[in-house]
Structure formats: C-alpha cells, structure tokens
Amino acid sequence: MAAEDRLTAELLAFAHRLADASGAAIMPHYRTGIAARDKSDGGRFDPVTAADRAAEQAIRSLIATVYPSHGVIGEEFGSENTDAEFVWVLDPIDGTKSFITGIPLWGTLIGLLRGGEPLLGLSDHPFLKERFWGDGHSATGSSPSRTWQLASRKPVRLSDAAVFVGSSVTDNPALFGRLRSLTPRVRMVRFGSDCYDTCMLAEGHIDAVLQTGLDIYDIAATVPIVSGAGGIVTGLDGGPAIRSNTILTSGDPDLHAELLPLLAADP
C-alpha cells in the first residue's frame, strides 16, 4: 500500500473512533426530554443541547490527544489552528430539531479537510446503528449486520427525480419560488433534509437534495461521501460546496446540470 493510501486509511480509522466517541456521548441524552437552548438571537429557532456539546467535546479531546497538530472547526466550540494541513470539521448533531423531537434521522458529521479541500467524510447515526463514509473515490455504508458499497442512482430523468429540501429554503422567497416552479416537473418534492437524506442519496434512493442556510460543518463531511458514491455537491452557482451556504446535491451529475439553472435563476 502506498504511503498516501496508508495515511488515508489511518485517518479514516481515526474518524471511526471519533464517531464511536460522539455516539457514546450523545445516546444517553436521546429521547430523555433534554432541554434545548435557542442560539438564534431572535431568528429561526436554532437549538443546542448538552448532547451537542458533549459530543463535540469528546471528539475534540481525542483529536487533541492523537493529532495535536491538526486543526478543528466545530459548530459548538468554534475554530482553532485552521491553517494546519489537516482540519477536522465537526457537526456533533446535524438535525438537533429532529433530536429533541424524537425523530431518528439526525446524525454526527465528521469531515476532514486537507489543504482546505474535503478529503474524508463520515456520517454516523448511532440510534439507527448505521454509518456512512467516503473519500471522494468510493463510499461505504455499514450496519451491525452488513457493510455495503454506496452508489447513487443514475441515469435519472428530471420527471423521475425525487427531490428533498431543507426547511430553511422557505426563508428564501426567490429560491422557494423557483422550487415551486420546479415541483410539477419532478416526481416528488419532500421537505426535511437532515444528513440522513444525503446518505440515502448516496445509497441511490433520493436523487437531489436542496439546502440553504448552511455552514462548512454542515457540508464538509457529505462531499466525499456523495462524490465517492458517484454523485456531486456544489453551490447553486456551480462552485465548491464548502464555500457556499446554499447547495445542491445530486446523485446523477447530468441531472445536477439540468437542475442548477432551474434553481439558480428565475425561469
């Protein structure tokens, strides 16, 4: 095995350790009626719980012990050493609203940037006991009973597409209007879009996911998973997803090219 491949395998194994630690910190809080604080400063409700904070602390502690030279960007505790070659990007609970209402589609997102670009991504779902990961070249899912390769669905005609949408799209009148124009042209549009939806896209069940109001910790982990499964993630301008707060994820790159102009500008 080449040195670069050994390094990638080592870092991926460590990402699994981080996911194990975060799951152990989160699960004692799930479906317990845990209190949530609103950190939105008067905007759309943006909850954070003790479980979010405990998970990120557990992950940061392991990184500091094993890879002290690495940087970290986390949703709850901010950024440190972001000029490092390797920077971990953490969303301890992606889908905290689902978490506090008992819906099991939340997960922990763990991404790794190298030189500012996505290298590895992992999406962990400890209640469902499922985990998804990728390195941009391949992507894998696992459960207690099996491990399988992820492959997005393709080819997909626009009229056959299943499109999932983050609820915050309704806060953007122009984008929501374009979505309404798109709706009769596709098979279905569903609202929701916690990170599990993106994993189902990588597995070939959903064809596109539209999200807005995002930060890098919502995106970095999903890019290597989706691209490893044969899909694509970009901003609505077609640029890098991690430099945008509104992204389109598609399982079929040709469908993606068809959807972008329909969503990026008024028809």
Protein backbone atom coordinates (compact mmCIF):
# COMPACT_ATOMS: atom_id res chain seq x y z
CA MET A 1 0.00 0.00 0.00
CA ALA A 2 1.35 3.42 -0.97
CA ALA A 3 2.18 5.92 1.74
CA GLU A 4 -0.75 8.20 0.80
CA ASP A 5 -3.16 5.27 0.90
CA ARG A 6 -1.84 4.21 4.31
CA LEU A 7 -2.30 7.74 5.61
CA THR A 8 -5.86 7.92 4.30
CA ALA A 9 -6.68 4.54 5.86
CA GLU A 10 -5.18 5.67 9.17
CA LEU A 11 -7.19 8.88 9.20
CA LEU A 12 -10.39 7.07 8.23
CA ALA A 13 -9.90 4.60 11.07
CA PHE A 14 -9.48 7.56 13.41
CA ALA A 15 -12.69 9.14 12.07
CA HIS A 16 -14.49 5.95 13.11
CA ARG A 17 -13.01 6.30 16.60
CA LEU A 18 -14.32 9.86 16.72
CA ALA A 19 -17.78 8.67 15.68
CA ASP A 20 -17.74 5.97 18.38
CA ALA A 21 -16.84 8.59 20.98
CA SER A 22 -19.52 11.03 19.84
CA GLY A 23 -22.21 8.36 19.80
CA ALA A 24 -21.31 7.30 23.33
CA ALA A 25 -21.64 10.92 24.46
CA ILE A 26 -24.96 11.52 22.68
CA MET A 27 -27.06 8.42 23.20
CA PRO A 28 -27.64 8.75 26.98
CA HIS A 29 -29.47 12.03 26.20
CA TYR A 30 -31.68 10.86 23.33
CA ARG A 31 -35.45 10.78 23.95
CA THR A 32 -35.00 11.90 27.54
CA GLY A 33 -36.79 15.26 27.22
CA ILE A 34 -33.41 17.03 27.15
CA ALA A 35 -33.56 20.82 27.40
CA ALA A 36 -32.61 22.88 24.37
CA ARG A 37 -31.29 26.45 24.29
CA ASP A 38 -32.10 28.69 21.32
CA LYS A 39 -28.88 30.19 19.95
CA SER A 40 -30.55 32.05 17.07
CA ASP A 41 -30.59 35.56 18.63
CA GLY A 42 -34.16 36.05 17.53
CA GLY A 43 -34.03 34.35 14.13
CA ARG A 44 -35.28 30.90 13.08
CA PHE A 45 -35.18 28.57 16.11
CA ASP A 46 -31.67 27.08 16.30
CA PRO A 47 -31.43 24.67 19.24
CA VAL A 48 -28.37 23.37 21.02
CA THR A 49 -28.35 20.78 23.79
CA ALA A 50 -25.96 19.27 26.28
CA ALA A 51 -25.68 16.31 23.91
CA ASP A 52 -24.34 18.52 21.08
CA ARG A 53 -21.74 20.00 23.38
CA ALA A 54 -20.73 16.70 24.97
CA ALA A 55 -20.25 15.06 21.58
CA GLU A 56 -18.07 17.84 20.22
CA GLN A 57 -16.01 17.91 23.42
CA ALA A 58 -15.43 14.16 23.16
CA ILE A 59 -14.30 14.47 19.55
CA ARG A 60 -12.04 17.46 20.22
CA SER A 61 -10.42 15.70 23.17
CA LEU A 62 -9.46 12.70 21.01
CA ILE A 63 -8.11 14.90 18.22
CA ALA A 64 -6.01 16.89 20.68
CA THR A 65 -4.58 13.67 22.11
CA VAL A 66 -3.86 11.77 18.90
CA TYR A 67 -3.27 14.55 16.34
CA PRO A 68 -2.42 17.69 18.29
CA SER A 69 -1.11 19.46 15.17
CA HIS A 70 -4.46 19.15 13.38
CA GLY A 71 -6.97 21.99 13.23
CA VAL A 72 -10.64 21.86 14.19
CA ILE A 73 -13.77 23.68 13.04
CA GLY A 74 -16.79 22.82 15.16
CA GLU A 75 -20.34 24.10 15.33
CA GLU A 76 -20.41 24.47 19.10
CA PHE A 77 -16.87 25.45 20.11
CA GLY A 78 -15.54 27.33 17.10
CA SER A 79 -12.28 27.07 15.20
CA GLU A 80 -8.65 26.50 16.10
CA ASN A 81 -5.45 26.02 14.09
CA THR A 82 -7.31 26.31 10.79
CA ASP A 83 -4.03 26.91 8.90
CA ALA A 84 -2.99 23.31 9.58
CA GLU A 85 -2.64 20.87 6.69
CA PHE A 86 -5.39 18.71 8.19
CA VAL A 87 -8.52 20.30 9.69
CA TRP A 88 -11.41 18.32 11.18
CA VAL A 89 -14.86 19.80 10.58
CA LEU A 90 -17.49 18.77 13.11
CA ASP A 91 -21.26 18.93 13.40
CA PRO A 92 -21.88 16.92 16.58
CA ILE A 93 -25.62 16.64 15.95
CA ASP A 94 -26.77 17.54 12.47
CA GLY A 95 -30.53 17.70 12.96
CA THR A 96 -30.84 18.89 16.56
CA LYS A 97 -34.51 19.75 15.92
CA SER A 98 -35.10 16.12 15.00
CA PHE A 99 -33.07 15.02 18.01
CA ILE A 100 -35.13 16.99 20.53
CA THR A 101 -38.43 15.86 18.98
CA GLY A 102 -37.50 12.16 18.92
CA ILE A 103 -37.16 11.82 15.13
CA PRO A 104 -34.25 9.42 14.48
CA LEU A 105 -32.84 10.96 11.28
CA TRP A 106 -30.18 13.12 12.99
CA GLY A 107 -26.52 12.21 12.85
CA THR A 108 -22.95 13.27 13.60
CA LEU A 109 -20.97 14.72 10.69
CA ILE A 110 -17.19 14.38 10.77
CA GLY A 111 -15.27 15.82 7.84
CA LEU A 112 -11.55 16.15 7.24
CA LEU A 113 -10.03 18.84 5.05
CA ARG A 114 -6.52 18.63 3.63
CA GLY A 115 -5.17 21.89 2.35
CA GLY A 116 -8.65 23.35 2.62
CA GLU A 117 -10.32 20.70 0.43
CA PRO A 118 -12.52 17.78 1.55
CA LEU A 119 -10.53 14.57 1.99
CA LEU A 120 -12.74 12.28 4.07
CA GLY A 121 -16.29 12.37 5.35
CA LEU A 122 -18.31 10.28 7.80
CA SER A 123 -21.98 10.49 8.78
CA ASP A 124 -22.81 8.50 11.92
CA HIS A 125 -26.34 7.57 13.04
CA PRO A 126 -25.95 5.89 16.42
CA PHE A 127 -29.65 5.35 17.17
CA LEU A 128 -30.18 3.69 13.79
CA LYS A 129 -26.83 1.90 14.16
CA GLU A 130 -25.85 2.94 10.64
CA ARG A 131 -22.76 4.73 9.41
CA PHE A 132 -21.74 6.11 6.02
CA TRP A 133 -18.32 7.28 4.88
CA GLY A 134 -16.36 8.17 1.78
CA ASP A 135 -13.07 9.53 0.44
CA GLY A 136 -14.26 11.01 -2.85
CA HIS A 137 -13.31 7.84 -4.74
CA SER A 138 -15.57 5.30 -3.05
CA ALA A 139 -18.22 5.33 -0.35
CA THR A 140 -19.44 2.73 2.11
CA GLY A 141 -22.36 2.10 4.43
CA SER A 142 -22.47 -0.17 7.45
CA SER A 143 -24.89 -1.56 10.00
CA PRO A 144 -24.37 -4.25 12.66
CA SER A 145 -25.28 -6.96 10.15
CA ARG A 146 -23.54 -5.85 6.95
CA THR A 147 -21.27 -3.46 5.07
CA TRP A 148 -22.06 -2.31 1.55
CA GLN A 149 -20.77 -0.04 -1.20
CA LEU A 150 -22.75 3.13 -1.90
CA ALA A 151 -23.74 4.03 -5.45
CA SER A 152 -26.07 6.88 -6.32
CA ARG A 153 -28.92 6.35 -8.79
CA LYS A 154 -28.22 7.20 -12.43
CA PRO A 155 -29.28 7.99 -15.04
CA VAL A 156 -32.30 9.91 -13.74
CA ARG A 157 -34.72 11.89 -15.89
CA LEU A 158 -35.98 15.15 -14.41
CA SER A 159 -39.55 13.83 -14.43
CA ASP A 160 -38.48 10.81 -12.35
CA ALA A 161 -36.45 12.74 -9.75
CA ALA A 162 -37.13 12.59 -6.02
CA VAL A 163 -36.00 15.93 -4.57
CA PHE A 164 -35.62 16.55 -0.84
CA VAL A 165 -35.49 20.10 0.50
CA GLY A 166 -34.25 21.66 3.73
CA SER A 167 -36.98 23.56 5.57
CA SER A 168 -34.92 26.78 5.66
CA VAL A 169 -35.45 27.13 1.88
CA THR A 170 -38.84 28.63 2.80
CA ASP A 171 -36.96 31.59 4.31
CA ASN A 172 -35.61 32.50 0.86
CA PRO A 173 -38.61 33.74 -1.19
CA ALA A 174 -36.78 33.78 -4.54
CA LEU A 175 -35.36 30.27 -4.12
CA PHE A 176 -38.66 28.96 -2.77
CA GLY A 177 -40.43 30.41 -5.81
CA ARG A 178 -38.04 28.61 -8.15
CA LEU A 179 -38.61 25.39 -6.20
CA ARG A 180 -42.37 25.78 -6.62
CA SER A 181 -41.87 26.16 -10.37
CA LEU A 182 -39.74 23.00 -10.38
CA THR A 183 -42.17 20.90 -8.33
CA PRO A 184 -44.58 19.90 -11.15
CA ARG A 185 -41.63 18.88 -13.32
CA VAL A 186 -40.22 16.23 -10.94
CA ARG A 187 -41.70 13.07 -9.45
CA MET A 188 -41.79 14.36 -5.88
CA VAL A 189 -40.56 17.09 -3.56
CA ARG A 190 -40.22 16.29 0.14
CA PHE A 191 -39.22 18.62 2.98
CA GLY A 192 -36.88 17.57 5.77
CA SER A 193 -33.25 17.09 4.86
CA ASP A 194 -31.23 16.19 7.90
CA CYS A 195 -27.98 14.46 6.99
CA TYR A 196 -29.65 11.06 6.65
CA ASP A 197 -31.33 12.26 3.46
CA THR A 198 -27.94 12.87 1.86
CA CYS A 199 -26.83 9.38 2.84
CA MET A 200 -29.95 7.97 1.19
CA LEU A 201 -29.00 9.91 -1.93
CA ALA A 202 -25.56 8.30 -1.86
CA GLU A 203 -27.27 4.92 -1.47
CA GLY A 204 -29.45 5.53 -4.52
CA HIS A 205 -32.90 6.25 -3.08
CA ILE A 206 -33.09 10.06 -3.34
CA ASP A 207 -31.99 11.96 -6.43
CA ALA A 208 -31.36 15.54 -5.25
CA VAL A 209 -31.19 17.50 -2.00
CA LEU A 210 -31.51 21.30 -1.89
CA GLN A 211 -30.34 23.08 1.27
CA THR A 212 -29.68 26.66 2.31
CA GLY A 213 -28.54 28.47 5.44
CA LEU A 214 -25.60 26.10 5.84
CA ASP A 215 -22.11 26.42 7.23
CA ILE A 216 -18.97 24.45 6.44
CA TYR A 217 -19.64 21.94 9.24
CA ASP A 218 -22.96 21.05 7.56
CA ILE A 219 -21.23 20.32 4.24
CA ALA A 220 -17.63 19.15 4.58
CA ALA A 221 -18.38 15.55 5.55
CA THR A 222 -21.00 14.98 2.87
CA VAL A 223 -18.87 15.97 -0.12
CA PRO A 224 -16.51 12.93 -0.02
CA ILE A 225 -19.43 10.58 0.70
CA VAL A 226 -21.57 11.79 -2.19
CA SER A 227 -18.72 12.11 -4.67
CA GLY A 228 -17.42 8.69 -3.62
CA ALA A 229 -20.85 7.25 -4.45
CA GLY A 230 -20.77 8.86 -7.92
CA GLY A 231 -22.78 11.99 -7.14
CA ILE A 232 -21.95 15.68 -6.99
CA VAL A 233 -22.32 18.54 -4.49
CA THR A 234 -21.95 22.22 -5.47
CA GLY A 235 -23.20 25.65 -4.63
CA LEU A 236 -26.07 26.88 -6.79
CA ASP A 237 -23.51 28.82 -8.83
CA GLY A 238 -21.78 25.52 -9.60
CA GLY A 239 -18.83 26.40 -7.37
CA PRO A 240 -17.35 24.45 -4.43
CA ALA A 241 -19.99 23.47 -1.90
CA ILE A 242 -17.84 24.24 1.14
CA ARG A 243 -17.61 27.87 0.05
CA SER A 244 -21.38 28.29 -0.27
CA ASN A 245 -24.29 28.39 2.17
CA THR A 246 -26.81 27.14 -0.41
CA ILE A 247 -26.01 23.81 -2.01
CA LEU A 248 -27.45 21.28 -4.40
CA THR A 249 -26.55 17.62 -4.02
CA SER A 250 -27.39 15.22 -6.84
CA GLY A 251 -26.82 11.54 -7.36
CA ASP A 252 -26.59 11.92 -11.15
CA PRO A 253 -24.20 14.61 -12.44
CA ASP A 254 -26.31 15.01 -15.60
CA LEU A 255 -29.44 15.63 -13.52
CA HIS A 256 -27.41 18.11 -11.47
CA ALA A 257 -26.52 20.06 -14.61
CA GLU A 258 -30.21 20.17 -15.53
CA LEU A 259 -31.36 21.26 -12.06
CA LEU A 260 -28.81 24.03 -11.44
CA PRO A 261 -30.16 26.58 -13.94
CA LEU A 262 -33.74 25.88 -12.81
CA LEU A 263 -32.88 26.64 -9.19
CA ALA A 264 -30.15 29.25 -9.57
CA ALA A 265 -32.11 31.85 -11.55
CA ASP A 266 -35.69 32.84 -12.23
CA PRO A 267 -37.10 30.81 -15.13
